[in-house]
């Protein structure tokens, strides 16, 4: 019985694993819309035992690309990345994230990309909406 209690204590003493999600705010300054998104997402993430980190992309595709490259080069990479891809950097960014093995979720409003055979024989189709 003593061994079971000690084992149970040891198991409870380890911190619970939580996933880390990085969200890249696509605006220069926190716009009211994205501020509200972050204000709702942060407590929801905490409630679900998700560590949410928010980065700002500066509202420009090159700043976002730099931010994503910094995230890719982190020693401890996030479990997921959520961002709004900017036109002109999509294929490069998707390829780098795939190579870094960082799963990502995109928030898209202007275009949709279709991939054929998961990066082999890449086929891109653009649908402006």
N, C-alpha and C. Protein backbone atom coordinates (compact mmCIF):
# COMPACT_ATOMS: atom_id res chain seq x y z
N UNK A 1 0.83 -1.19 0.00
CA UNK A 1 0.00 0.00 0.00
C UNK A 1 0.87 1.25 0.00
N UNK A 2 1.97 1.20 0.74
CA UNK A 2 2.87 2.34 0.82
C UNK A 2 3.48 2.64 -0.55
N UNK A 3 3.81 1.60 -1.31
CA UNK A 3 4.38 1.78 -2.64
C UNK A 3 3.36 2.43 -3.58
N UNK A 4 2.11 2.07 -3.46
CA UNK A 4 1.07 2.65 -4.31
C UNK A 4 0.90 4.13 -4.00
N UNK A 5 0.92 4.48 -2.73
CA UNK A 5 0.79 5.88 -2.33
C UNK A 5 1.97 6.69 -2.85
N UNK A 6 3.17 6.16 -2.76
CA UNK A 6 4.36 6.86 -3.24
C UNK A 6 4.28 7.01 -4.77
N UNK A 7 3.90 5.97 -5.46
CA UNK A 7 3.76 6.04 -6.92
C UNK A 7 2.71 7.08 -7.31
N UNK A 8 1.59 7.08 -6.63
CA UNK A 8 0.53 8.04 -6.90
C UNK A 8 1.02 9.46 -6.66
N UNK A 9 1.75 9.68 -5.59
CA UNK A 9 2.31 10.99 -5.27
C UNK A 9 3.28 11.44 -6.36
N UNK A 10 4.14 10.54 -6.81
CA UNK A 10 5.10 10.89 -7.86
C UNK A 10 4.40 11.25 -9.17
N UNK A 11 3.37 10.51 -9.50
CA UNK A 11 2.64 10.82 -10.73
C UNK A 11 1.95 12.18 -10.64
N UNK A 12 1.42 12.51 -9.50
CA UNK A 12 0.74 13.80 -9.33
C UNK A 12 1.72 14.97 -9.23
N UNK A 13 2.97 14.70 -8.88
CA UNK A 13 3.93 15.78 -8.70
C UNK A 13 4.48 16.29 -10.03
N UNK A 14 4.32 15.52 -11.11
CA UNK A 14 4.78 15.98 -12.41
C UNK A 14 3.78 17.00 -12.95
N UNK A 15 4.27 18.07 -13.55
CA UNK A 15 3.34 19.06 -14.09
C UNK A 15 2.54 18.47 -15.26
N UNK A 16 1.32 18.90 -15.37
CA UNK A 16 0.48 18.43 -16.47
C UNK A 16 0.98 19.04 -17.77
N UNK A 17 1.01 18.23 -18.79
CA UNK A 17 1.45 18.70 -20.09
C UNK A 17 0.36 19.55 -20.71
N UNK A 18 0.73 20.73 -21.16
CA UNK A 18 -0.24 21.54 -21.89
C UNK A 18 0.36 21.88 -23.25
N UNK A 19 -0.52 22.00 -24.21
CA UNK A 19 -0.02 22.32 -25.55
C UNK A 19 0.20 23.83 -25.64
N UNK A 20 1.13 24.19 -26.50
CA UNK A 20 1.44 25.60 -26.71
C UNK A 20 0.98 25.99 -28.11
N UNK A 21 0.15 27.01 -28.16
CA UNK A 21 -0.36 27.53 -29.42
C UNK A 21 0.11 28.96 -29.57
N UNK A 22 0.64 29.27 -30.74
CA UNK A 22 1.06 30.64 -31.04
C UNK A 22 0.07 31.22 -32.04
N UNK A 23 -0.43 32.40 -31.72
CA UNK A 23 -1.31 33.14 -32.61
C UNK A 23 -0.59 34.40 -33.05
N UNK A 24 -0.54 34.63 -34.36
CA UNK A 24 0.08 35.84 -34.87
C UNK A 24 -1.01 36.82 -35.25
N UNK A 25 -1.07 37.92 -34.51
CA UNK A 25 -2.03 39.00 -34.76
C UNK A 25 -1.64 39.67 -36.08
N UNK A 26 -2.53 39.70 -37.07
CA UNK A 26 -2.16 40.21 -38.38
C UNK A 26 -2.18 41.73 -38.52
N UNK A 27 -2.40 42.47 -37.45
CA UNK A 27 -2.54 43.92 -37.58
C UNK A 27 -1.32 44.66 -37.05
N UNK A 28 -1.26 45.95 -37.39
CA UNK A 28 -0.16 46.80 -36.92
C UNK A 28 -0.31 47.00 -35.42
N UNK A 29 -1.41 47.56 -35.03
CA UNK A 29 -1.76 47.69 -33.61
C UNK A 29 -2.99 46.85 -33.40
N UNK A 30 -3.19 46.42 -32.19
CA UNK A 30 -4.35 45.57 -31.93
C UNK A 30 -5.62 46.27 -32.38
N UNK A 31 -6.15 45.85 -33.49
CA UNK A 31 -7.42 46.41 -33.97
C UNK A 31 -8.52 45.93 -33.02
N UNK A 32 -9.64 46.66 -32.98
CA UNK A 32 -10.71 46.23 -32.08
C UNK A 32 -11.16 44.79 -32.33
N UNK A 33 -11.23 44.38 -33.62
CA UNK A 33 -11.65 43.02 -33.92
C UNK A 33 -10.67 41.99 -33.36
N UNK A 34 -9.37 42.14 -33.70
CA UNK A 34 -8.39 41.14 -33.27
C UNK A 34 -8.15 41.21 -31.77
N UNK A 35 -8.30 42.39 -31.18
CA UNK A 35 -8.20 42.50 -29.71
C UNK A 35 -9.30 41.69 -29.07
N UNK A 36 -10.52 41.77 -29.64
CA UNK A 36 -11.63 41.00 -29.10
C UNK A 36 -11.39 39.50 -29.29
N UNK A 37 -10.84 39.12 -30.43
CA UNK A 37 -10.53 37.70 -30.68
C UNK A 37 -9.56 37.20 -29.61
N UNK A 38 -8.51 37.97 -29.35
CA UNK A 38 -7.50 37.59 -28.36
C UNK A 38 -8.09 37.58 -26.95
N UNK A 39 -8.93 38.59 -26.65
CA UNK A 39 -9.56 38.66 -25.33
C UNK A 39 -10.48 37.47 -25.06
N UNK A 40 -11.06 36.89 -26.09
CA UNK A 40 -11.92 35.71 -25.92
C UNK A 40 -11.07 34.44 -25.93
N UNK A 41 -10.06 34.40 -26.82
CA UNK A 41 -9.25 33.19 -26.96
C UNK A 41 -8.38 32.92 -25.73
N UNK A 42 -7.85 33.96 -25.11
CA UNK A 42 -6.94 33.76 -23.98
C UNK A 42 -7.59 33.02 -22.81
N UNK A 43 -8.76 33.46 -22.31
CA UNK A 43 -9.36 32.69 -21.20
C UNK A 43 -9.85 31.31 -21.64
N UNK A 44 -10.29 31.19 -22.90
CA UNK A 44 -10.72 29.88 -23.38
C UNK A 44 -9.53 28.92 -23.41
N UNK A 45 -8.39 29.41 -23.86
CA UNK A 45 -7.18 28.58 -23.89
C UNK A 45 -6.78 28.17 -22.48
N UNK A 46 -6.82 29.12 -21.57
CA UNK A 46 -6.46 28.81 -20.18
C UNK A 46 -7.38 27.75 -19.60
N UNK A 47 -8.66 27.87 -19.90
CA UNK A 47 -9.65 26.90 -19.42
C UNK A 47 -9.38 25.50 -19.97
N UNK A 48 -8.82 25.43 -21.18
CA UNK A 48 -8.54 24.15 -21.82
C UNK A 48 -7.10 23.68 -21.58
N UNK A 49 -6.39 24.36 -20.68
CA UNK A 49 -5.00 24.02 -20.37
C UNK A 49 -4.10 24.15 -21.61
N UNK A 50 -4.33 25.23 -22.37
CA UNK A 50 -3.53 25.54 -23.54
C UNK A 50 -2.76 26.82 -23.26
N UNK A 51 -1.47 26.78 -23.51
CA UNK A 51 -0.67 27.98 -23.34
C UNK A 51 -0.73 28.75 -24.65
N UNK A 52 -1.37 29.91 -24.63
CA UNK A 52 -1.53 30.74 -25.82
C UNK A 52 -0.53 31.89 -25.78
N UNK A 53 0.28 31.97 -26.82
CA UNK A 53 1.22 33.09 -26.97
C UNK A 53 0.78 33.90 -28.17
N UNK A 54 0.77 35.21 -28.03
CA UNK A 54 0.35 36.09 -29.11
C UNK A 54 1.53 36.93 -29.57
N UNK A 55 1.79 36.89 -30.87
CA UNK A 55 2.83 37.72 -31.49
C UNK A 55 2.12 38.70 -32.42
N UNK A 56 2.75 39.85 -32.66
CA UNK A 56 2.20 40.82 -33.57
C UNK A 56 3.02 40.82 -34.84
N UNK A 57 2.35 40.77 -36.00
CA UNK A 57 3.06 40.71 -37.27
C UNK A 57 3.36 42.08 -37.85
N UNK A 58 2.89 43.13 -37.20
CA UNK A 58 3.14 44.46 -37.72
C UNK A 58 2.29 44.82 -38.92
N UNK A 59 1.33 43.96 -39.25
CA UNK A 59 0.43 44.25 -40.36
C UNK A 59 1.09 44.21 -41.73
N UNK A 60 2.23 43.56 -41.83
CA UNK A 60 2.96 43.52 -43.10
C UNK A 60 3.50 42.12 -43.33
N UNK A 61 3.46 41.68 -44.58
CA UNK A 61 3.86 40.31 -44.90
C UNK A 61 5.32 40.02 -44.57
N UNK A 62 6.19 40.99 -44.74
CA UNK A 62 7.61 40.76 -44.45
C UNK A 62 7.87 40.66 -42.95
N UNK A 63 7.15 41.46 -42.15
CA UNK A 63 7.28 41.35 -40.69
C UNK A 63 6.73 40.00 -40.22
N UNK A 64 5.62 39.59 -40.83
CA UNK A 64 5.05 38.29 -40.45
C UNK A 64 6.02 37.16 -40.83
N UNK A 65 6.62 37.25 -41.99
CA UNK A 65 7.58 36.24 -42.43
C UNK A 65 8.75 36.18 -41.45
N UNK A 66 9.23 37.34 -41.01
CA UNK A 66 10.32 37.39 -40.04
C UNK A 66 9.89 36.76 -38.72
N UNK A 67 8.69 37.07 -38.27
CA UNK A 67 8.16 36.51 -37.02
C UNK A 67 8.06 34.99 -37.11
N UNK A 68 7.54 34.49 -38.23
CA UNK A 68 7.41 33.05 -38.40
C UNK A 68 8.78 32.38 -38.45
N UNK A 69 9.74 33.01 -39.11
CA UNK A 69 11.10 32.46 -39.14
C UNK A 69 11.70 32.40 -37.73
N UNK A 70 11.42 33.41 -36.90
CA UNK A 70 11.90 33.39 -35.51
C UNK A 70 11.25 32.24 -34.75
N UNK A 71 9.97 32.01 -34.98
CA UNK A 71 9.26 30.92 -34.31
C UNK A 71 9.83 29.57 -34.76
N UNK A 72 10.11 29.45 -36.05
CA UNK A 72 10.68 28.21 -36.59
C UNK A 72 12.03 27.91 -35.95
N UNK A 73 12.80 28.95 -35.66
CA UNK A 73 14.14 28.78 -35.11
C UNK A 73 14.18 28.64 -33.59
N UNK A 74 13.03 28.68 -32.94
CA UNK A 74 13.00 28.49 -31.48
C UNK A 74 13.45 27.08 -31.11
N UNK A 75 14.11 26.99 -29.97
CA UNK A 75 14.51 25.67 -29.48
C UNK A 75 13.28 24.82 -29.16
N UNK A 76 12.33 25.42 -28.45
CA UNK A 76 11.07 24.75 -28.11
C UNK A 76 9.98 25.30 -29.03
N UNK A 77 9.70 24.58 -30.07
CA UNK A 77 8.72 25.02 -31.05
C UNK A 77 7.30 24.84 -30.50
N UNK A 78 6.38 25.70 -30.94
CA UNK A 78 5.00 25.54 -30.48
C UNK A 78 4.37 24.29 -31.07
N UNK A 79 3.31 23.84 -30.43
CA UNK A 79 2.58 22.68 -30.94
C UNK A 79 1.74 23.04 -32.15
N UNK A 80 1.25 24.29 -32.19
CA UNK A 80 0.45 24.77 -33.31
C UNK A 80 0.71 26.25 -33.52
N UNK A 81 0.55 26.68 -34.75
CA UNK A 81 0.68 28.09 -35.12
C UNK A 81 -0.59 28.49 -35.85
N UNK A 82 -1.18 29.61 -35.45
CA UNK A 82 -2.38 30.13 -36.10
C UNK A 82 -2.03 31.50 -36.65
N UNK A 83 -2.30 31.70 -37.94
CA UNK A 83 -1.99 33.00 -38.54
C UNK A 83 -2.83 33.23 -39.79
N UNK A 84 -2.87 34.49 -40.22
CA UNK A 84 -3.53 34.90 -41.44
C UNK A 84 -2.44 35.11 -42.48
N UNK A 85 -2.33 34.22 -43.46
CA UNK A 85 -1.22 34.35 -44.41
C UNK A 85 -1.40 35.56 -45.31
N UNK A 86 -0.30 36.24 -45.56
CA UNK A 86 -0.30 37.37 -46.47
C UNK A 86 0.05 36.90 -47.86
N UNK A 87 -0.57 37.51 -48.85
CA UNK A 87 -0.31 37.18 -50.25
C UNK A 87 1.17 37.43 -50.55
N UNK A 88 1.78 36.54 -51.27
CA UNK A 88 3.17 36.69 -51.66
C UNK A 88 4.15 35.90 -50.81
N UNK A 89 3.71 35.40 -49.67
CA UNK A 89 4.61 34.63 -48.80
C UNK A 89 4.04 33.26 -48.46
N UNK A 90 2.90 32.93 -49.04
CA UNK A 90 2.17 31.74 -48.64
C UNK A 90 2.96 30.45 -48.87
N UNK A 91 3.39 30.22 -50.08
CA UNK A 91 4.04 28.95 -50.40
C UNK A 91 5.34 28.81 -49.61
N UNK A 92 6.13 29.87 -49.54
CA UNK A 92 7.38 29.83 -48.79
C UNK A 92 7.13 29.56 -47.31
N UNK A 93 6.16 30.25 -46.74
CA UNK A 93 5.85 30.08 -45.31
C UNK A 93 5.34 28.67 -45.03
N UNK A 94 4.41 28.19 -45.86
CA UNK A 94 3.86 26.85 -45.66
C UNK A 94 4.95 25.80 -45.76
N UNK A 95 5.84 25.96 -46.72
CA UNK A 95 6.93 25.00 -46.90
C UNK A 95 7.86 24.99 -45.69
N UNK A 96 8.23 26.16 -45.20
CA UNK A 96 9.12 26.24 -44.04
C UNK A 96 8.47 25.65 -42.79
N UNK A 97 7.20 25.93 -42.58
CA UNK A 97 6.50 25.36 -41.42
C UNK A 97 6.41 23.85 -41.52
N UNK A 98 6.17 23.35 -42.72
CA UNK A 98 6.12 21.91 -42.91
C UNK A 98 7.48 21.28 -42.63
N UNK A 99 8.55 21.91 -43.12
CA UNK A 99 9.89 21.38 -42.89
C UNK A 99 10.26 21.41 -41.41
N UNK A 100 9.76 22.43 -40.69
CA UNK A 100 10.03 22.54 -39.25
C UNK A 100 9.10 21.65 -38.43
N UNK A 101 8.16 21.00 -39.12
CA UNK A 101 7.19 20.11 -38.48
C UNK A 101 6.34 20.83 -37.44
N UNK A 102 5.92 22.06 -37.79
CA UNK A 102 5.02 22.84 -36.94
C UNK A 102 3.65 22.83 -37.60
N UNK A 103 2.68 22.15 -37.00
CA UNK A 103 1.33 22.18 -37.56
C UNK A 103 0.78 23.60 -37.51
N UNK A 104 0.05 23.99 -38.53
CA UNK A 104 -0.46 25.35 -38.56
C UNK A 104 -1.90 25.39 -39.04
N UNK A 105 -2.58 26.43 -38.59
CA UNK A 105 -3.95 26.69 -38.96
C UNK A 105 -3.97 28.09 -39.55
N UNK A 106 -4.55 28.24 -40.73
CA UNK A 106 -4.60 29.55 -41.35
C UNK A 106 -6.00 30.13 -41.28
N UNK A 107 -6.03 31.43 -41.13
CA UNK A 107 -7.29 32.18 -41.17
C UNK A 107 -7.30 32.88 -42.51
N UNK A 108 -8.07 32.38 -43.44
CA UNK A 108 -8.01 32.90 -44.80
C UNK A 108 -9.33 33.55 -45.17
N UNK A 109 -9.21 34.68 -45.87
CA UNK A 109 -10.42 35.37 -46.30
C UNK A 109 -10.40 35.72 -47.78
N UNK A 110 -9.22 35.81 -48.38
CA UNK A 110 -9.15 36.25 -49.76
C UNK A 110 -8.81 35.15 -50.75
N UNK A 111 -8.22 34.07 -50.29
CA UNK A 111 -7.81 33.04 -51.22
C UNK A 111 -7.84 31.68 -50.54
N UNK A 112 -7.86 30.67 -51.36
CA UNK A 112 -7.83 29.31 -50.86
C UNK A 112 -6.76 28.57 -51.66
N UNK A 113 -5.95 27.81 -51.00
CA UNK A 113 -4.91 27.05 -51.67
C UNK A 113 -5.29 25.58 -51.68
N UNK A 114 -5.07 24.96 -52.79
CA UNK A 114 -5.32 23.54 -52.92
C UNK A 114 -3.99 22.84 -53.09
N UNK A 115 -3.72 21.87 -52.26
CA UNK A 115 -2.46 21.14 -52.34
C UNK A 115 -2.72 19.75 -52.87
N UNK A 116 -1.85 19.33 -53.73
CA UNK A 116 -1.96 18.02 -54.35
C UNK A 116 -0.85 17.14 -53.80
N UNK A 117 -1.22 16.03 -53.20
CA UNK A 117 -0.26 15.04 -52.71
C UNK A 117 0.66 15.60 -51.63
N UNK A 118 0.13 16.44 -50.76
CA UNK A 118 0.83 16.94 -49.57
C UNK A 118 2.25 17.42 -49.83
N UNK A 119 2.41 18.37 -50.65
CA UNK A 119 3.64 19.08 -51.01
C UNK A 119 4.36 18.48 -52.22
N UNK A 120 4.18 17.21 -52.52
CA UNK A 120 4.76 16.69 -53.75
C UNK A 120 3.87 17.16 -54.89
N UNK A 121 4.46 17.57 -55.96
CA UNK A 121 3.69 18.08 -57.11
C UNK A 121 2.71 19.15 -56.66
N UNK A 122 3.24 20.19 -56.06
CA UNK A 122 2.40 21.27 -55.51
C UNK A 122 1.54 21.89 -56.60
N UNK A 123 0.26 21.91 -56.33
CA UNK A 123 -0.69 22.54 -57.24
C UNK A 123 -1.39 23.64 -56.47
N UNK A 124 -1.27 24.86 -56.92
CA UNK A 124 -1.88 26.00 -56.21
C UNK A 124 -3.01 26.56 -57.06
N UNK A 125 -4.16 26.67 -56.46
CA UNK A 125 -5.27 27.32 -57.14
C UNK A 125 -5.74 28.47 -56.27
N UNK A 126 -5.96 29.61 -56.89
CA UNK A 126 -6.35 30.80 -56.14
C UNK A 126 -7.80 31.12 -56.43
N UNK A 127 -8.55 31.34 -55.36
CA UNK A 127 -9.96 31.70 -55.48
C UNK A 127 -10.17 33.00 -54.74
N UNK A 128 -10.33 34.11 -55.46
CA UNK A 128 -10.54 35.39 -54.81
C UNK A 128 -12.00 35.51 -54.44
N UNK A 129 -12.25 35.89 -53.17
CA UNK A 129 -13.63 35.95 -52.71
C UNK A 129 -14.02 37.27 -52.17
